[in-house]
C-alpha atoms as a PDB file:
ATOM      1  CA  UNK A   1       9.120  13.265  -8.926  1.00  0.00           C
ATOM      2  CA  UNK A   2       8.265   9.388 -10.258  1.00  0.00           C
ATOM      3  CA  UNK A   3       4.784   8.537 -11.011  1.00  0.00           C
ATOM      4  CA  UNK A   4       3.930   5.263 -11.518  1.00  0.00           C
ATOM      5  CA  UNK A   5      -0.666   4.368 -12.197  1.00  0.00           C
ATOM      6  CA  UNK A   6      -1.626   1.570 -10.311  1.00  0.00           C
ATOM      7  CA  UNK A   7      -4.607   0.632 -11.386  1.00  0.00           C
ATOM      8  CA  UNK A   8      -7.689   3.586 -13.640  1.00  0.00           C
ATOM      9  CA  UNK A   9      -8.011   5.163  -9.983  1.00  0.00           C
ATOM     10  CA  UNK A  10      -5.134   4.901  -8.172  1.00  0.00           C
ATOM     11  CA  UNK A  11      -2.065   6.485  -8.488  1.00  0.00           C
ATOM     12  CA  UNK A  12       1.540   6.338  -6.811  1.00  0.00           C
ATOM     13  CA  UNK A  13       4.271   9.230  -6.576  1.00  0.00           C
ATOM     14  CA  UNK A  14       7.421   9.464  -5.030  1.00  0.00           C
ATOM     15  CA  UNK A  15       8.714  12.940  -4.152  1.00  0.00           C
ATOM     16  CA  UNK A  16      11.892  13.934  -2.061  1.00  0.00           C
ATOM     17  CA  UNK A  17      10.490  12.333   1.436  1.00  0.00           C
ATOM     18  CA  UNK A  18       7.494  10.184   0.101  1.00  0.00           C
ATOM     19  CA  UNK A  19       9.123   6.977  -0.190  1.00  0.00           C
ATOM     20  CA  UNK A  20      11.610   7.782   2.839  1.00  0.00           C
ATOM     21  CA  UNK A  21      12.942   4.221   4.489  1.00  0.00           C
ATOM     22  CA  UNK A  22      14.067   3.202   8.268  1.00  0.00           C
ATOM     23  CA  UNK A  23      15.862   6.635   9.100  1.00  0.00           C
ATOM     24  CA  UNK A  24      18.161   6.291  11.942  1.00  0.00           C
ATOM     25  CA  UNK A  25      17.490   8.065  15.294  1.00  0.00           C
ATOM     26  CA  UNK A  26      20.963   7.876  17.563  1.00  0.00           C
ATOM     27  CA  UNK A  27      19.774   6.738  20.590  1.00  0.00           C
ATOM     28  CA  UNK A  28      19.692  10.203  22.725  1.00  0.00           C
ATOM     29  CA  UNK A  29      17.074  11.362  19.949  1.00  0.00           C
ATOM     30  CA  UNK A  30      15.332   7.841  20.315  1.00  0.00           C
ATOM     31  CA  UNK A  31      11.551   7.791  21.924  1.00  0.00           C
ATOM     32  CA  UNK A  32      10.009   5.267  23.831  1.00  0.00           C
ATOM     33  CA  UNK A  33       6.822   4.641  21.745  1.00  0.00           C
ATOM     34  CA  UNK A  34       6.334   3.582  18.216  1.00  0.00           C
ATOM     35  CA  UNK A  35       3.044   5.176  15.679  1.00  0.00           C
ATOM     36  CA  UNK A  36       1.811   4.359  12.680  1.00  0.00           C
ATOM     37  CA  UNK A  37      -0.317   8.052  11.144  1.00  0.00           C
ATOM     38  CA  UNK A  38      -2.277   8.170   8.175  1.00  0.00           C
ATOM     39  CA  UNK A  39      -1.893  11.546   6.565  1.00  0.00           C
ATOM     40  CA  UNK A  40      -4.159  12.990   3.252  1.00  0.00           C
ATOM     41  CA  UNK A  41      -5.550  16.001   1.515  1.00  0.00           C
ATOM     42  CA  UNK A  42      -6.986  16.944  -1.384  1.00  0.00           C
ATOM     43  CA  UNK A  43      -7.211  21.210  -1.377  1.00  0.00           C
ATOM     44  CA  UNK A  44      -4.936  22.943  -3.325  1.00  0.00           C
ATOM     45  CA  UNK A  45      -1.773  21.616  -3.761  1.00  0.00           C
ATOM     46  CA  UNK A  46      -1.173  18.383  -1.571  1.00  0.00           C
ATOM     47  CA  UNK A  47       1.970  17.466  -2.844  1.00  0.00           C
ATOM     48  CA  UNK A  48       4.043  19.941  -2.168  1.00  0.00           C
ATOM     49  CA  UNK A  49       2.326  20.633   1.811  1.00  0.00           C
ATOM     50  CA  UNK A  50       2.827  16.542   2.317  1.00  0.00           C
ATOM     51  CA  UNK A  51       7.239  17.172   2.079  1.00  0.00           C
ATOM     52  CA  UNK A  52       6.301  20.485   4.037  1.00  0.00           C
ATOM     53  CA  UNK A  53       5.020  18.104   6.517  1.00  0.00           C
ATOM     54  CA  UNK A  54       7.525  16.413   6.594  1.00  0.00           C
ATOM     55  CA  UNK A  55      10.116  19.530   7.662  1.00  0.00           C
ATOM     56  CA  UNK A  56       7.730  20.498  10.083  1.00  0.00           C
ATOM     57  CA  UNK A  57       7.892  17.264  11.799  1.00  0.00           C
ATOM     58  CA  UNK A  58      11.911  17.147  11.279  1.00  0.00           C
ATOM     59  CA  UNK A  59      12.181  19.683  13.519  1.00  0.00           C
ATOM     60  CA  UNK A  60       9.291  19.232  16.083  1.00  0.00           C
ATOM     61  CA  UNK A  61      10.782  17.570  19.510  1.00  0.00           C
ATOM     62  CA  UNK A  62       7.354  15.760  19.624  1.00  0.00           C
ATOM     63  CA  UNK A  63       8.133  12.856  17.280  1.00  0.00           C
ATOM     64  CA  UNK A  64      10.907  11.916  15.070  1.00  0.00           C
ATOM     65  CA  UNK A  65       9.723  10.129  11.131  1.00  0.00           C
ATOM     66  CA  UNK A  66      11.782   6.795  10.943  1.00  0.00           C
ATOM     67  CA  UNK A  67       9.935   6.161   7.581  1.00  0.00           C
ATOM     68  CA  UNK A  68       7.315   7.283   5.025  1.00  0.00           C
ATOM     69  CA  UNK A  69       5.293   5.363   1.913  1.00  0.00           C
ATOM     70  CA  UNK A  70       4.828   6.837  -1.217  1.00  0.00           C
ATOM     71  CA  UNK A  71       1.653   8.963  -2.012  1.00  0.00           C
ATOM     72  CA  UNK A  72      -1.403   7.214  -3.749  1.00  0.00           C
ATOM     73  CA  UNK A  73      -3.283   9.317  -5.086  1.00  0.00           C
ATOM     74  CA  UNK A  74      -6.799   7.553  -5.075  1.00  0.00           C
ATOM     75  CA  UNK A  75     -10.827   8.589  -4.755  1.00  0.00           C
ATOM     76  CA  UNK A  76     -13.474   9.919  -2.583  1.00  0.00           C
ATOM     77  CA  UNK A  77     -15.059   7.602  -0.130  1.00  0.00           C
ATOM     78  CA  UNK A  78     -17.751   8.584   2.396  1.00  0.00           C
ATOM     79  CA  UNK A  79     -19.239  12.016   0.520  1.00  0.00           C
ATOM     80  CA  UNK A  80     -17.898  11.574  -2.985  1.00  0.00           C
ATOM     81  CA  UNK A  81     -18.680  14.715  -4.503  1.00  0.00           C
ATOM     82  CA  UNK A  82     -14.902  16.138  -3.898  1.00  0.00           C
ATOM     83  CA  UNK A  83     -10.903  16.404  -5.467  1.00  0.00           C
ATOM     84  CA  UNK A  84      -9.132  13.067  -5.057  1.00  0.00           C
ATOM     85  CA  UNK A  85      -7.366  12.457  -2.450  1.00  0.00           C
ATOM     86  CA  UNK A  86      -3.387  12.314  -1.762  1.00  0.00           C
ATOM     87  CA  UNK A  87      -2.285   9.493   1.009  1.00  0.00           C
ATOM     88  CA  UNK A  88       0.334   8.585   2.760  1.00  0.00           C
ATOM     89  CA  UNK A  89       1.380   6.452   5.317  1.00  0.00           C
ATOM     90  CA  UNK A  90       4.514   7.667   8.361  1.00  0.00           C
ATOM     91  CA  UNK A  91       5.996   6.173  11.288  1.00  0.00           C
ATOM     92  CA  UNK A  92       7.167   7.845  13.993  1.00  0.00           C
ATOM     93  CA  UNK A  93       8.200   7.341  17.409  1.00  0.00           C
ATOM     94  CA  UNK A  94       7.721   9.996  20.198  1.00  0.00           C
ATOM     95  CA  UNK A  95       7.598  10.489  23.776  1.00  0.00           C
ATOM     96  CA  UNK A  96       3.738  11.361  23.964  1.00  0.00           C
ATOM     97  CA  UNK A  97       0.687   9.313  25.306  1.00  0.00           C
ATOM     98  CA  UNK A  98      -2.198   7.901  22.415  1.00  0.00           C
ATOM     99  CA  UNK A  99      -4.321  11.340  23.706  1.00  0.00           C
ATOM    100  CA  UNK A 100      -1.245  13.657  23.325  1.00  0.00           C
ATOM    101  CA  UNK A 101      -0.232  12.932  20.098  1.00  0.00           C
ATOM    102  CA  UNK A 102      -3.304  13.745  19.392  1.00  0.00           C
ATOM    103  CA  UNK A 103      -4.020  17.029  20.173  1.00  0.00           C
ATOM    104  CA  UNK A 104      -0.277  17.482  18.916  1.00  0.00           C
ATOM    105  CA  UNK A 105      -1.636  16.157  15.532  1.00  0.00           C
ATOM    106  CA  UNK A 106      -4.772  18.377  15.914  1.00  0.00           C
ATOM    107  CA  UNK A 107      -2.622  21.671  16.060  1.00  0.00           C
ATOM    108  CA  UNK A 108      -0.039  20.060  13.196  1.00  0.00           C
ATOM    109  CA  UNK A 109      -3.530  20.115  11.164  1.00  0.00           C
ATOM    110  CA  UNK A 110      -5.113  23.482  12.104  1.00  0.00           C
ATOM    111  CA  UNK A 111      -1.569  25.468  11.824  1.00  0.00           C
ATOM    112  CA  UNK A 112      -1.716  23.381   7.965  1.00  0.00           C
ATOM    113  CA  UNK A 113      -4.651  25.228   7.329  1.00  0.00           C
ATOM    114  CA  UNK A 114      -7.681  22.116   8.700  1.00  0.00           C
ATOM    115  CA  UNK A 115     -11.287  23.387   9.054  1.00  0.00           C
ATOM    116  CA  UNK A 116     -13.888  20.747   9.641  1.00  0.00           C
ATOM    117  CA  UNK A 117     -16.998  21.223   7.871  1.00  0.00           C
ATOM    118  CA  UNK A 118     -18.729  17.654   7.625  1.00  0.00           C
ATOM    119  CA  UNK A 119     -17.830  14.504   8.216  1.00  0.00           C
ATOM    120  CA  UNK A 120     -14.613  12.342   5.204  1.00  0.00           C
ATOM    121  CA  UNK A 121     -15.167  16.251   3.078  1.00  0.00           C
ATOM    122  CA  UNK A 122     -12.484  18.223   1.669  1.00  0.00           C
ATOM    123  CA  UNK A 123      -9.296  19.026   3.620  1.00  0.00           C
ATOM    124  CA  UNK A 124      -6.040  21.012   3.424  1.00  0.00           C
ATOM    125  CA  UNK A 125      -4.719  18.202   6.350  1.00  0.00           C
ATOM    126  CA  UNK A 126      -6.024  15.281   7.775  1.00  0.00           C
ATOM    127  CA  UNK A 127      -3.969  13.414  10.352  1.00  0.00           C
ATOM    128  CA  UNK A 128      -5.053   9.963  11.685  1.00  0.00           C
ATOM    129  CA  UNK A 129      -2.975   7.831  13.955  1.00  0.00           C
ATOM    130  CA  UNK A 130      -3.162   4.424  12.680  1.00  0.00           C
ATOM    131  CA  UNK A 131      -1.341   2.272  15.252  1.00  0.00           C
ATOM    132  CA  UNK A 132       0.317   3.171  18.656  1.00  0.00           C
ATOM    133  CA  UNK A 133       2.318   0.205  19.653  1.00  0.00           C
ATOM    134  CA  UNK A 134       0.072  -2.767  20.350  1.00  0.00           C
ATOM    135  CA  UNK A 135      -2.318  -0.856  22.322  1.00  0.00           C
ATOM    136  CA  UNK A 136      -5.904  -0.747  21.506  1.00  0.00           C
ATOM    137  CA  UNK A 137      -7.900   2.429  22.953  1.00  0.00           C
ATOM    138  CA  UNK A 138     -11.315   3.525  22.390  1.00  0.00           C
ATOM    139  CA  UNK A 139     -13.419   6.536  23.512  1.00  0.00           C
ATOM    140  CA  UNK A 140     -15.047   9.307  22.377  1.00  0.00           C
ATOM    141  CA  UNK A 141     -12.237  11.665  21.061  1.00  0.00           C
ATOM    142  CA  UNK A 142      -9.760   8.968  20.202  1.00  0.00           C
ATOM    143  CA  UNK A 143      -9.538   4.897  18.312  1.00  0.00           C
ATOM    144  CA  UNK A 144      -6.650   3.471  18.439  1.00  0.00           C
ATOM    145  CA  UNK A 145      -6.469   0.763  16.139  1.00  0.00           C
ATOM    146  CA  UNK A 146      -8.350   3.485  13.976  1.00  0.00           C
ATOM    147  CA  UNK A 147     -11.875   3.123  13.350  1.00  0.00           C
ATOM    148  CA  UNK A 148     -11.824   0.925   9.637  1.00  0.00           C
ATOM    149  CA  UNK A 149      -8.838   1.175   8.848  1.00  0.00           C
ATOM    150  CA  UNK A 150      -8.425  -2.400   6.918  1.00  0.00           C
ATOM    151  CA  UNK A 151     -11.018  -1.975   4.562  1.00  0.00           C
ATOM    152  CA  UNK A 152      -9.269   1.970   3.287  1.00  0.00           C
ATOM    153  CA  UNK A 153      -6.850   1.267   0.235  1.00  0.00           C
ATOM    154  CA  UNK A 154      -5.854   4.495   1.481  1.00  0.00           C
ATOM    155  CA  UNK A 155      -4.006   3.291   4.471  1.00  0.00           C
ATOM    156  CA  UNK A 156      -3.438  -0.534   3.477  1.00  0.00           C
ATOM    157  CA  UNK A 157      -1.500   0.258  -0.331  1.00  0.00           C
ATOM    158  CA  UNK A 158       1.350   2.801   1.233  1.00  0.00           C
ATOM    159  CA  UNK A 159       1.474   0.312   4.125  1.00  0.00           C
ATOM    160  CA  UNK A 160       2.106  -2.254   1.879  1.00  0.00           C
ATOM    161  CA  UNK A 161       4.427  -0.523   0.060  1.00  0.00           C
ATOM    162  CA  UNK A 162       6.417   0.600   3.072  1.00  0.00           C
ATOM    163  CA  UNK A 163       6.452  -3.320   4.040  1.00  0.00           C
ATOM    164  CA  UNK A 164       7.604  -4.015   0.033  1.00  0.00           C
ATOM    165  CA  UNK A 165      10.633  -2.357   0.964  1.00  0.00           C
ATOM    166  CA  UNK A 166      11.764  -3.309   3.742  1.00  0.00           C
END
């Protein structure tokens, strides 16, 4: 694992699968939509959990991982009385609709021990849909692009690191 401190509040980690770059998907396995997912957590061994998530999604028929960012360790926002977060970006292809993808990701979070207590509180794993193709959706259960993504270092920094590698 490589570690790079970029400021007093932010550290970048590189592991076996964070980052990965432009995985080639055979035309038979290529799925029709592209989505950008933000993943995060701050309870337990989050980096190990991210590696387990990578392998879980790699075996999934619902999504195919195309790219990932390094992992960013950063301070919490919203509810500040909690441990720092680890965040990364996954770029996937999928045949699921945005709503189907949301429900799939909620099941994945639950499988990885996610319990919803307080908004912006501590969590084992959080998976957010940041972008889905070039569409915009705004309804009670789903907003795409993800609300306020542009103001979150936990999204901006990992996205910029993916763009810098490509």
